[in-house]
Amino acid sequence: MTEEKVVLICAEAGGLTWPNWRKSTPDANQKIAAFVDAWRKQFPGLPLTCIGKITAGEGIALRDQHGTRTLTDHGYAHFA
C-alpha cells in the first residue's frame, strides 16, 4: 500500500450555498481556475485531483470502478 497525503479544502461563501455562490459570482470559473493555478504553484509536487462532479438533477450517485450506485443516506437537515 502506498502512502498518500490527502488535503481537504472547504470554501465557505458567507451564508451562500455552492450553487448560489456560482450563480451570484459571474467570474466563478475564473476564480476557481486561479485557485487551482495558485495551488499548483504553491505545491508543485502535490497533485490536485477532482474527486467529484455536481450536475443538475436529483439524488446522489456514486460512480467508481465497480459501476454506479444511488446513495440513499442523507446529510444533516440544517433547517429542520
Foldseek 3Di string as FASTA:
>chain_A
DDDADDDDDDDDDVPDDPVVVPVVDVCVVVVVVVVLVVVCVVCVVHDDDDDDDDDDDDFDWDQDPVGIDTDDDDDDDPPD
